[in-house]
Amino acid sequence: MANFVLNAVARDESVQGKGSSRRLRLENKVPAIIYGGEAAPVTVTLELRQLVKFLEDNSFFEEVIEIQVGDKVESVKIQALQRHPAKNTPMHADFKRA
């Protein structure tokens, strides 16, 4: 059982790209992707507040994280995290299936 469980919403192909990602960030959401393993990559949206709370704990970068996308749960590890250069807030996250 993972100590970290993130709630996510799957994104449709029509709401992907630079403009859509900017609109998500204005709504305090973080675009992310889950990839690796046998399954196809999944683009998701995370809540900024929940992600920032988990980022305060250093073990978030080492442990397996569970991301709940609808009724499906993905076990992942954080692969990359892009932050805003001045504000240091998360802008995009990459997760790799464990």
PDB file of N, CA and C in Angstrom:
ATOM      1  N   MET A   1       0.840  -1.183   0.000  1.00  0.00           N
ATOM      2  CA  MET A   1       0.000   0.000   0.000  1.00  0.00           C
ATOM      3  C   MET A   1       0.881   1.241   0.000  1.00  0.00           C
ATOM      4  N   ALA A   2       0.601   2.140  -0.901  1.00  0.00           N
ATOM      5  CA  ALA A   2       1.377   3.373  -1.006  1.00  0.00           C
ATOM      6  C   ALA A   2       0.888   4.397   0.005  1.00  0.00           C
ATOM      7  N   ASN A   3       1.809   5.200   0.482  1.00  0.00           N
ATOM      8  CA  ASN A   3       1.460   6.276   1.400  1.00  0.00           C
ATOM      9  C   ASN A   3       0.833   7.448   0.673  1.00  0.00           C
ATOM     10  N   PHE A   4       1.065   7.543  -0.619  1.00  0.00           N
ATOM     11  CA  PHE A   4       0.591   8.670  -1.406  1.00  0.00           C
ATOM     12  C   PHE A   4      -0.436   8.188  -2.425  1.00  0.00           C
ATOM     13  N   VAL A   5      -1.622   8.773  -2.375  1.00  0.00           N
ATOM     14  CA  VAL A   5      -2.675   8.446  -3.333  1.00  0.00           C
ATOM     15  C   VAL A   5      -3.157   9.758  -3.930  1.00  0.00           C
ATOM     16  N   LEU A   6      -2.921   9.944  -5.223  1.00  0.00           N
ATOM     17  CA  LEU A   6      -3.350  11.140  -5.926  1.00  0.00           C
ATOM     18  C   LEU A   6      -4.640  10.849  -6.679  1.00  0.00           C
ATOM     19  N   ASN A   7      -5.554  11.793  -6.671  1.00  0.00           N
ATOM     20  CA  ASN A   7      -6.772  11.688  -7.467  1.00  0.00           C
ATOM     21  C   ASN A   7      -6.531  12.420  -8.773  1.00  0.00           C
ATOM     22  N   ALA A   8      -6.879  11.791  -9.881  1.00  0.00           N
ATOM     23  CA  ALA A   8      -6.641  12.382 -11.192  1.00  0.00           C
ATOM     24  C   ALA A   8      -7.868  12.214 -12.081  1.00  0.00           C
ATOM     25  N   VAL A   9      -7.915  13.046 -13.099  1.00  0.00           N
ATOM     26  CA  VAL A   9      -8.975  12.975 -14.095  1.00  0.00           C
ATOM     27  C   VAL A   9      -8.300  12.777 -15.441  1.00  0.00           C
ATOM     28  N   ALA A  10      -8.740  11.789 -16.205  1.00  0.00           N
ATOM     29  CA  ALA A  10      -8.164  11.546 -17.524  1.00  0.00           C
ATOM     30  C   ALA A  10      -8.554  12.695 -18.459  1.00  0.00           C
ATOM     31  N   ARG A  11      -7.604  13.087 -19.319  1.00  0.00           N
ATOM     32  CA  ARG A  11      -7.856  14.162 -20.280  1.00  0.00           C
ATOM     33  C   ARG A  11      -8.069  13.582 -21.653  1.00  0.00           C
ATOM     34  N   ASP A  12      -8.994  14.172 -22.383  1.00  0.00           N
ATOM     35  CA  ASP A  12      -9.290  13.781 -23.753  1.00  0.00           C
ATOM     36  C   ASP A  12      -8.244  14.398 -24.689  1.00  0.00           C
ATOM     37  N   GLU A  13      -8.098  13.879 -25.886  1.00  0.00           N
ATOM     38  CA  GLU A  13      -7.132  14.429 -26.838  1.00  0.00           C
ATOM     39  C   GLU A  13      -7.462  15.861 -27.219  1.00  0.00           C
ATOM     40  N   SER A  14      -8.727  16.239 -27.132  1.00  0.00           N
ATOM     41  CA  SER A  14      -9.119  17.602 -27.517  1.00  0.00           C
ATOM     42  C   SER A  14      -8.662  18.645 -26.500  1.00  0.00           C
ATOM     43  N   VAL A  15      -8.317  18.229 -25.278  1.00  0.00           N
ATOM     44  CA  VAL A  15      -7.852  19.169 -24.261  1.00  0.00           C
ATOM     45  C   VAL A  15      -6.394  18.896 -23.901  1.00  0.00           C
ATOM     46  N   GLN A  16      -5.579  18.758 -24.937  1.00  0.00           N
ATOM     47  CA  GLN A  16      -4.142  18.590 -24.758  1.00  0.00           C
ATOM     48  C   GLN A  16      -3.437  19.666 -25.561  1.00  0.00           C
ATOM     49  N   GLY A  17      -2.220  19.959 -25.181  1.00  0.00           N
ATOM     50  CA  GLY A  17      -1.451  20.966 -25.890  1.00  0.00           C
ATOM     51  C   GLY A  17      -1.152  22.163 -25.009  1.00  0.00           C
ATOM     52  N   LYS A  18      -0.416  23.110 -25.571  1.00  0.00           N
ATOM     53  CA  LYS A  18       0.051  24.265 -24.808  1.00  0.00           C
ATOM     54  C   LYS A  18      -1.095  25.121 -24.285  1.00  0.00           C
ATOM     55  N   GLY A  19      -2.045  25.469 -25.122  1.00  0.00           N
ATOM     56  CA  GLY A  19      -3.153  26.322 -24.706  1.00  0.00           C
ATOM     57  C   GLY A  19      -4.019  25.670 -23.644  1.00  0.00           C
ATOM     58  N   SER A  20      -4.318  24.414 -23.820  1.00  0.00           N
ATOM     59  CA  SER A  20      -5.134  23.687 -22.844  1.00  0.00           C
ATOM     60  C   SER A  20      -4.409  23.547 -21.512  1.00  0.00           C
ATOM     61  N   SER A  21      -3.111  23.305 -21.574  1.00  0.00           N
ATOM     62  CA  SER A  21      -2.324  23.188 -20.344  1.00  0.00           C
ATOM     63  C   SER A  21      -2.290  24.507 -19.591  1.00  0.00           C
ATOM     64  N   ARG A  22      -2.193  25.605 -20.313  1.00  0.00           N
ATOM     65  CA  ARG A  22      -2.211  26.926 -19.664  1.00  0.00           C
ATOM     66  C   ARG A  22      -3.550  27.177 -18.987  1.00  0.00           C
ATOM     67  N   ARG A  23      -4.634  26.810 -19.655  1.00  0.00           N
ATOM     68  CA  ARG A  23      -5.963  26.986 -19.052  1.00  0.00           C
ATOM     69  C   ARG A  23      -6.110  26.126 -17.795  1.00  0.00           C
ATOM     70  N   LEU A  24      -5.569  24.914 -17.819  1.00  0.00           N
ATOM     71  CA  LEU A  24      -5.619  24.050 -16.634  1.00  0.00           C
ATOM     72  C   LEU A  24      -4.863  24.686 -15.471  1.00  0.00           C
ATOM     73  N   ARG A  25      -3.681  25.236 -15.758  1.00  0.00           N
ATOM     74  CA  ARG A  25      -2.888  25.850 -14.688  1.00  0.00           C
ATOM     75  C   ARG A  25      -3.592  27.054 -14.078  1.00  0.00           C
ATOM     76  N   LEU A  26      -4.350  27.792 -14.872  1.00  0.00           N
ATOM     77  CA  LEU A  26      -5.127  28.910 -14.349  1.00  0.00           C
ATOM     78  C   LEU A  26      -6.230  28.441 -13.401  1.00  0.00           C
ATOM     79  N   GLU A  27      -6.665  27.202 -13.563  1.00  0.00           N
ATOM     80  CA  GLU A  27      -7.684  26.604 -12.703  1.00  0.00           C
ATOM     81  C   GLU A  27      -7.055  25.837 -11.537  1.00  0.00           C
ATOM     82  N   ASN A  28      -5.758  26.063 -11.278  1.00  0.00           N
ATOM     83  CA  ASN A  28      -5.010  25.381 -10.213  1.00  0.00           C
ATOM     84  C   ASN A  28      -4.991  23.870 -10.402  1.00  0.00           C
ATOM     85  N   LYS A  29      -4.761  23.447 -11.633  1.00  0.00           N
ATOM     86  CA  LYS A  29      -4.611  22.038 -11.962  1.00  0.00           C
ATOM     87  C   LYS A  29      -3.265  21.844 -12.653  1.00  0.00           C
ATOM     88  N   VAL A  30      -2.736  20.637 -12.585  1.00  0.00           N
ATOM     89  CA  VAL A  30      -1.437  20.330 -13.164  1.00  0.00           C
ATOM     90  C   VAL A  30      -1.603  19.229 -14.208  1.00  0.00           C
ATOM     91  N   PRO A  31      -1.207  19.488 -15.461  1.00  0.00           N
ATOM     92  CA  PRO A  31      -1.236  18.423 -16.461  1.00  0.00           C
ATOM     93  C   PRO A  31      -0.134  17.407 -16.169  1.00  0.00           C
ATOM     94  N   ALA A  32      -0.420  16.141 -16.431  1.00  0.00           N
ATOM     95  CA  ALA A  32       0.546  15.081 -16.173  1.00  0.00           C
ATOM     96  C   ALA A  32       0.329  13.947 -17.163  1.00  0.00           C
ATOM     97  N   ILE A  33       1.300  13.045 -17.220  1.00  0.00           N
ATOM     98  CA  ILE A  33       1.200  11.870 -18.086  1.00  0.00           C
ATOM     99  C   ILE A  33       1.679  10.652 -17.312  1.00  0.00           C
ATOM    100  N   ILE A  34       1.028   9.527 -17.573  1.00  0.00           N
ATOM    101  CA  ILE A  34       1.425   8.240 -17.009  1.00  0.00           C
ATOM    102  C   ILE A  34       1.812   7.357 -18.190  1.00  0.00           C
ATOM    103  N   TYR A  35       3.025   6.820 -18.172  1.00  0.00           N
ATOM    104  CA  TYR A  35       3.480   5.988 -19.282  1.00  0.00           C
ATOM    105  C   TYR A  35       4.305   4.824 -18.763  1.00  0.00           C
ATOM    106  N   GLY A  36       4.703   3.955 -19.680  1.00  0.00           N
ATOM    107  CA  GLY A  36       5.519   2.794 -19.333  1.00  0.00           C
ATOM    108  C   GLY A  36       4.678   1.539 -19.250  1.00  0.00           C
ATOM    109  N   GLY A  37       5.352   0.417 -19.159  1.00  0.00           N
ATOM    110  CA  GLY A  37       4.653  -0.862 -19.082  1.00  0.00           C
ATOM    111  C   GLY A  37       4.009  -1.230 -20.404  1.00  0.00           C
ATOM    112  N   GLU A  38       3.057  -2.116 -20.340  1.00  0.00           N
ATOM    113  CA  GLU A  38       2.377  -2.604 -21.548  1.00  0.00           C
ATOM    114  C   GLU A  38       1.229  -1.704 -21.979  1.00  0.00           C
ATOM    115  N   ALA A  39       0.673  -0.935 -21.055  1.00  0.00           N
ATOM    116  CA  ALA A  39      -0.494  -0.107 -21.362  1.00  0.00           C
ATOM    117  C   ALA A  39      -0.082   1.158 -22.111  1.00  0.00           C
ATOM    118  N   ALA A  40      -1.046   1.751 -22.791  1.00  0.00           N
ATOM    119  CA  ALA A  40      -0.801   2.988 -23.533  1.00  0.00           C
ATOM    120  C   ALA A  40      -0.648   4.160 -22.568  1.00  0.00           C
ATOM    121  N   PRO A  41       0.069   5.194 -22.978  1.00  0.00           N
ATOM    122  CA  PRO A  41       0.201   6.377 -22.127  1.00  0.00           C
ATOM    123  C   PRO A  41      -1.163   7.037 -21.872  1.00  0.00           C
ATOM    124  N   VAL A  42      -1.313   7.592 -20.677  1.00  0.00           N
ATOM    125  CA  VAL A  42      -2.569   8.234 -20.294  1.00  0.00           C
ATOM    126  C   VAL A  42      -2.250   9.651 -19.828  1.00  0.00           C
ATOM    127  N   THR A  43      -2.928  10.639 -20.418  1.00  0.00           N
ATOM    128  CA  THR A  43      -2.756  12.014 -19.949  1.00  0.00           C
ATOM    129  C   THR A  43      -3.826  12.291 -18.897  1.00  0.00           C
ATOM    130  N   VAL A  44      -3.390  12.899 -17.800  1.00  0.00           N
ATOM    131  CA  VAL A  44      -4.286  13.146 -16.676  1.00  0.00           C
ATOM    132  C   VAL A  44      -4.119  14.574 -16.181  1.00  0.00           C
ATOM    133  N   THR A  45      -5.047  14.974 -15.327  1.00  0.00           N
ATOM    134  CA  THR A  45      -4.997  16.267 -14.669  1.00  0.00           C
ATOM    135  C   THR A  45      -5.015  16.038 -13.165  1.00  0.00           C
ATOM    136  N   LEU A  46      -4.082  16.681 -12.457  1.00  0.00           N
ATOM    137  CA  LEU A  46      -3.981  16.555 -11.002  1.00  0.00           C
ATOM    138  C   LEU A  46      -4.356  17.882 -10.348  1.00  0.00           C
ATOM    139  N   GLU A  47      -4.781  17.814  -9.108  1.00  0.00           N
ATOM    140  CA  GLU A  47      -5.057  19.020  -8.335  1.00  0.00           C
ATOM    141  C   GLU A  47      -3.734  19.588  -7.820  1.00  0.00           C
ATOM    142  N   LEU A  48      -3.491  20.862  -8.058  1.00  0.00           N
ATOM    143  CA  LEU A  48      -2.246  21.506  -7.642  1.00  0.00           C
ATOM    144  C   LEU A  48      -2.055  21.426  -6.137  1.00  0.00           C
ATOM    145  N   ARG A  49      -3.095  21.690  -5.382  1.00  0.00           N
ATOM    146  CA  ARG A  49      -2.996  21.722  -3.921  1.00  0.00           C
ATOM    147  C   ARG A  49      -2.552  20.368  -3.355  1.00  0.00           C
ATOM    148  N   GLN A  50      -3.133  19.290  -3.876  1.00  0.00           N
ATOM    149  CA  GLN A  50      -2.802  17.953  -3.393  1.00  0.00           C
ATOM    150  C   GLN A  50      -1.365  17.591  -3.773  1.00  0.00           C
ATOM    151  N   LEU A  51      -0.952  17.930  -4.985  1.00  0.00           N
ATOM    152  CA  LEU A  51       0.403  17.615  -5.434  1.00  0.00           C
ATOM    153  C   LEU A  51       1.444  18.382  -4.621  1.00  0.00           C
ATOM    154  N   VAL A  52       1.216  19.669  -4.368  1.00  0.00           N
ATOM    155  CA  VAL A  52       2.159  20.474  -3.592  1.00  0.00           C
ATOM    156  C   VAL A  52       2.293  19.918  -2.188  1.00  0.00           C
ATOM    157  N   LYS A  53       1.191  19.473  -1.604  1.00  0.00           N
ATOM    158  CA  LYS A  53       1.223  18.892  -0.261  1.00  0.00           C
ATOM    159  C   LYS A  53       2.123  17.652  -0.224  1.00  0.00           C
ATOM    160  N   PHE A  54       1.998  16.785  -1.227  1.00  0.00           N
ATOM    161  CA  PHE A  54       2.820  15.577  -1.284  1.00  0.00           C
ATOM    162  C   PHE A  54       4.280  15.888  -1.600  1.00  0.00           C
ATOM    163  N   LEU A  55       4.543  16.935  -2.373  1.00  0.00           N
ATOM    164  CA  LEU A  55       5.913  17.284  -2.739  1.00  0.00           C
ATOM    165  C   LEU A  55       6.732  17.759  -1.548  1.00  0.00           C
ATOM    166  N   GLU A  56       6.075  18.162  -0.468  1.00  0.00           N
ATOM    167  CA  GLU A  56       6.786  18.594   0.732  1.00  0.00           C
ATOM    168  C   GLU A  56       7.512  17.439   1.412  1.00  0.00           C
ATOM    169  N   ASP A  57       7.075  16.221   1.161  1.00  0.00           N
ATOM    170  CA  ASP A  57       7.684  15.028   1.754  1.00  0.00           C
ATOM    171  C   ASP A  57       8.696  14.448   0.764  1.00  0.00           C
ATOM    172  N   ASN A  58       9.948  14.337   1.166  1.00  0.00           N
ATOM    173  CA  ASN A  58      10.996  13.838   0.275  1.00  0.00           C
ATOM    174  C   ASN A  58      10.774  12.390  -0.162  1.00  0.00           C
ATOM    175  N   SER A  59      10.071  11.605   0.624  1.00  0.00           N
ATOM    176  CA  SER A  59       9.837  10.213   0.252  1.00  0.00           C
ATOM    177  C   SER A  59       8.887  10.090  -0.943  1.00  0.00           C
ATOM    178  N   PHE A  60       8.209  11.174  -1.309  1.00  0.00           N
ATOM    179  CA  PHE A  60       7.333  11.174  -2.491  1.00  0.00           C
ATOM    180  C   PHE A  60       8.124  10.828  -3.750  1.00  0.00           C
ATOM    181  N   PHE A  61       9.397  11.239  -3.782  1.00  0.00           N
ATOM    182  CA  PHE A  61      10.238  10.998  -4.955  1.00  0.00           C
ATOM    183  C   PHE A  61      10.837   9.596  -4.976  1.00  0.00           C
ATOM    184  N   GLU A  62      10.720   8.842  -3.882  1.00  0.00           N
ATOM    185  CA  GLU A  62      11.344   7.530  -3.794  1.00  0.00           C
ATOM    186  C   GLU A  62      10.347   6.388  -3.778  1.00  0.00           C
ATOM    187  N   GLU A  63       9.166   6.620  -3.245  1.00  0.00           N
ATOM    188  CA  GLU A  63       8.195   5.544  -3.060  1.00  0.00           C
ATOM    189  C   GLU A  63       7.266   5.394  -4.264  1.00  0.00           C
ATOM    190  N   VAL A  64       6.571   4.277  -4.268  1.00  0.00           N
ATOM    191  CA  VAL A  64       5.545   4.039  -5.280  1.00  0.00           C
ATOM    192  C   VAL A  64       4.310   4.845  -4.897  1.00  0.00           C
ATOM    193  N   ILE A  65       3.765   5.534  -5.877  1.00  0.00           N
ATOM    194  CA  ILE A  65       2.600   6.398  -5.682  1.00  0.00           C
ATOM    195  C   ILE A  65       1.425   5.742  -6.387  1.00  0.00           C
ATOM    196  N   GLU A  66       0.254   5.875  -5.816  1.00  0.00           N
ATOM    197  CA  GLU A  66      -0.958   5.394  -6.479  1.00  0.00           C
ATOM    198  C   GLU A  66      -1.717   6.588  -7.023  1.00  0.00           C
ATOM    199  N   ILE A  67      -2.076   6.503  -8.303  1.00  0.00           N
ATOM    200  CA  ILE A  67      -2.891   7.542  -8.921  1.00  0.00           C
ATOM    201  C   ILE A  67      -4.219   6.906  -9.296  1.00  0.00           C
ATOM    202  N   GLN A  68      -5.286   7.460  -8.762  1.00  0.00           N
ATOM    203  CA  GLN A  68      -6.617   6.945  -9.043  1.00  0.00           C
ATOM    204  C   GLN A  68      -7.221   7.750 -10.183  1.00  0.00           C
ATOM    205  N   VAL A  69      -7.394   7.084 -11.324  1.00  0.00           N
ATOM    206  CA  VAL A  69      -7.986   7.704 -12.505  1.00  0.00           C
ATOM    207  C   VAL A  69      -9.351   7.054 -12.709  1.00  0.00           C
ATOM    208  N   GLY A  70     -10.387   7.754 -12.291  1.00  0.00           N
ATOM    209  CA  GLY A  70     -11.723   7.170 -12.347  1.00  0.00           C
ATOM    210  C   GLY A  70     -11.807   6.010 -11.387  1.00  0.00           C
ATOM    211  N   ASP A  71     -12.140   4.815 -11.896  1.00  0.00           N
ATOM    212  CA  ASP A  71     -12.227   3.627 -11.045  1.00  0.00           C
ATOM    213  C   ASP A  71     -10.969   2.757 -11.146  1.00  0.00           C
ATOM    214  N   LYS A  72      -9.968   3.212 -11.904  1.00  0.00           N
ATOM    215  CA  LYS A  72      -8.730   2.462 -12.091  1.00  0.00           C
ATOM    216  C   LYS A  72      -7.623   3.087 -11.241  1.00  0.00           C
ATOM    217  N   VAL A  73      -6.771   2.240 -10.652  1.00  0.00           N
ATOM    218  CA  VAL A  73      -5.661   2.718  -9.834  1.00  0.00           C
ATOM    219  C   VAL A  73      -4.347   2.303 -10.505  1.00  0.00           C
ATOM    220  N   GLU A  74      -3.475   3.292 -10.727  1.00  0.00           N
ATOM    221  CA  GLU A  74      -2.166   3.048 -11.340  1.00  0.00           C
ATOM    222  C   GLU A  74      -1.086   3.170 -10.266  1.00  0.00           C
ATOM    223  N   SER A  75      -0.168   2.209 -10.210  1.00  0.00           N
ATOM    224  CA  SER A  75       0.989   2.293  -9.318  1.00  0.00           C
ATOM    225  C   SER A  75       2.149   2.845 -10.124  1.00  0.00           C
ATOM    226  N   VAL A  76       2.653   4.006  -9.704  1.00  0.00           N
ATOM    227  CA  VAL A  76       3.667   4.714 -10.484  1.00  0.00           C
ATOM    228  C   VAL A  76       4.765   5.268  -9.583  1.00  0.00           C
ATOM    229  N   LYS A  77       5.839   5.698 -10.224  1.00  0.00           N
ATOM    230  CA  LYS A  77       6.892   6.469  -9.557  1.00  0.00           C
ATOM    231  C   LYS A  77       7.055   7.752 -10.362  1.00  0.00           C
ATOM    232  N   ILE A  78       7.375   8.835  -9.675  1.00  0.00           N
ATOM    233  CA  ILE A  78       7.546  10.101 -10.380  1.00  0.00           C
ATOM    234  C   ILE A  78       8.846  10.050 -11.177  1.00  0.00           C
ATOM    235  N   GLN A  79       8.769  10.396 -12.447  1.00  0.00           N
ATOM    236  CA  GLN A  79       9.917  10.348 -13.335  1.00  0.00           C
ATOM    237  C   GLN A  79      10.512  11.746 -13.521  1.00  0.00           C
ATOM    238  N   ALA A  80       9.644  12.743 -13.731  1.00  0.00           N
ATOM    239  CA  ALA A  80      10.116  14.114 -13.944  1.00  0.00           C
ATOM    240  C   ALA A  80       9.058  15.083 -13.442  1.00  0.00           C
ATOM    241  N   LEU A  81       9.529  16.241 -13.005  1.00  0.00           N
ATOM    242  CA  LEU A  81       8.629  17.280 -12.528  1.00  0.00           C
ATOM    243  C   LEU A  81       9.159  18.616 -13.033  1.00  0.00           C
ATOM    244  N   GLN A  82       8.353  19.307 -13.831  1.00  0.00           N
ATOM    245  CA  GLN A  82       8.744  20.621 -14.309  1.00  0.00           C
ATOM    246  C   GLN A  82       8.098  21.667 -13.404  1.00  0.00           C
ATOM    247  N   ARG A  83       8.911  22.645 -12.987  1.00  0.00           N
ATOM    248  CA  ARG A  83       8.430  23.706 -12.107  1.00  0.00           C
ATOM    249  C   ARG A  83       8.551  25.061 -12.802  1.00  0.00           C
ATOM    250  N   HIS A  84       7.730  26.005 -12.363  1.00  0.00           N
ATOM    251  CA  HIS A  84       7.805  27.368 -12.865  1.00  0.00           C
ATOM    252  C   HIS A  84       9.141  27.965 -12.409  1.00  0.00           C
ATOM    253  N   PRO A  85       9.876  28.655 -13.286  1.00  0.00           N
ATOM    254  CA  PRO A  85      11.205  29.137 -12.927  1.00  0.00           C
ATOM    255  C   PRO A  85      11.218  30.161 -11.791  1.00  0.00           C
ATOM    256  N   ALA A  86      10.196  30.978 -11.674  1.00  0.00           N
ATOM    257  CA  ALA A  86      10.196  32.013 -10.630  1.00  0.00           C
ATOM    258  C   ALA A  86       9.349  31.616  -9.422  1.00  0.00           C
ATOM    259  N   LYS A  87       8.190  31.024  -9.669  1.00  0.00           N
ATOM    260  CA  LYS A  87       7.261  30.702  -8.580  1.00  0.00           C
ATOM    261  C   LYS A  87       7.550  29.365  -7.918  1.00  0.00           C
ATOM    262  N   ASN A  88       8.273  28.488  -8.609  1.00  0.00           N
ATOM    263  CA  ASN A  88       8.618  27.153  -8.127  1.00  0.00           C
ATOM    264  C   ASN A  88       7.391  26.244  -7.956  1.00  0.00           C
ATOM    265  N   THR A  89       6.279  26.579  -8.590  1.00  0.00           N
ATOM    266  CA  THR A  89       5.099  25.715  -8.534  1.00  0.00           C
ATOM    267  C   THR A  89       5.191  24.669  -9.639  1.00  0.00           C
ATOM    268  N   PRO A  90       4.638  23.479  -9.418  1.00  0.00           N
ATOM    269  CA  PRO A  90       4.677  22.437 -10.449  1.00  0.00           C
ATOM    270  C   PRO A  90       3.880  22.851 -11.693  1.00  0.00           C
ATOM    271  N   MET A  91       4.472  22.599 -12.868  1.00  0.00           N
ATOM    272  CA  MET A  91       3.801  22.916 -14.126  1.00  0.00           C
ATOM    273  C   MET A  91       3.387  21.657 -14.889  1.00  0.00           C
ATOM    274  N   HIS A  92       4.161  20.581 -14.724  1.00  0.00           N
ATOM    275  CA  HIS A  92       3.868  19.331 -15.430  1.00  0.00           C
ATOM    276  C   HIS A  92       4.580  18.199 -14.701  1.00  0.00           C
ATOM    277  N   ALA A  93       3.954  17.037 -14.685  1.00  0.00           N
ATOM    278  CA  ALA A  93       4.559  15.879 -14.023  1.00  0.00           C
ATOM    279  C   ALA A  93       4.517  14.669 -14.950  1.00  0.00           C
ATOM    280  N   ASP A  94       5.583  13.895 -14.923  1.00  0.00           N
ATOM    281  CA  ASP A  94       5.659  12.631 -15.657  1.00  0.00           C
ATOM    282  C   ASP A  94       5.747  11.505 -14.641  1.00  0.00           C
ATOM    283  N   PHE A  95       4.901  10.504 -14.828  1.00  0.00           N
ATOM    284  CA  PHE A  95       4.912   9.341 -13.946  1.00  0.00           C
ATOM    285  C   PHE A  95       5.149   8.094 -14.776  1.00  0.00           C
ATOM    286  N   LYS A  96       5.978   7.186 -14.260  1.00  0.00           N
ATOM    287  CA  LYS A  96       6.276   5.928 -14.940  1.00  0.00           C
ATOM    288  C   LYS A  96       5.671   4.784 -14.133  1.00  0.00           C
ATOM    289  N   ARG A  97       4.983   3.903 -14.818  1.00  0.00           N
ATOM    290  CA  ARG A  97       4.346   2.777 -14.127  1.00  0.00           C
ATOM    291  C   ARG A  97       5.400   1.913 -13.457  1.00  0.00           C
ATOM    292  N   ALA A  98       5.083   1.481 -12.245  1.00  0.00           N
ATOM    293  CA  ALA A  98       6.029   0.670 -11.480  1.00  0.00           C
ATOM    294  C   ALA A  98       5.795  -0.809 -11.723  1.00  0.00           C
TER     295      ALA A  98
END
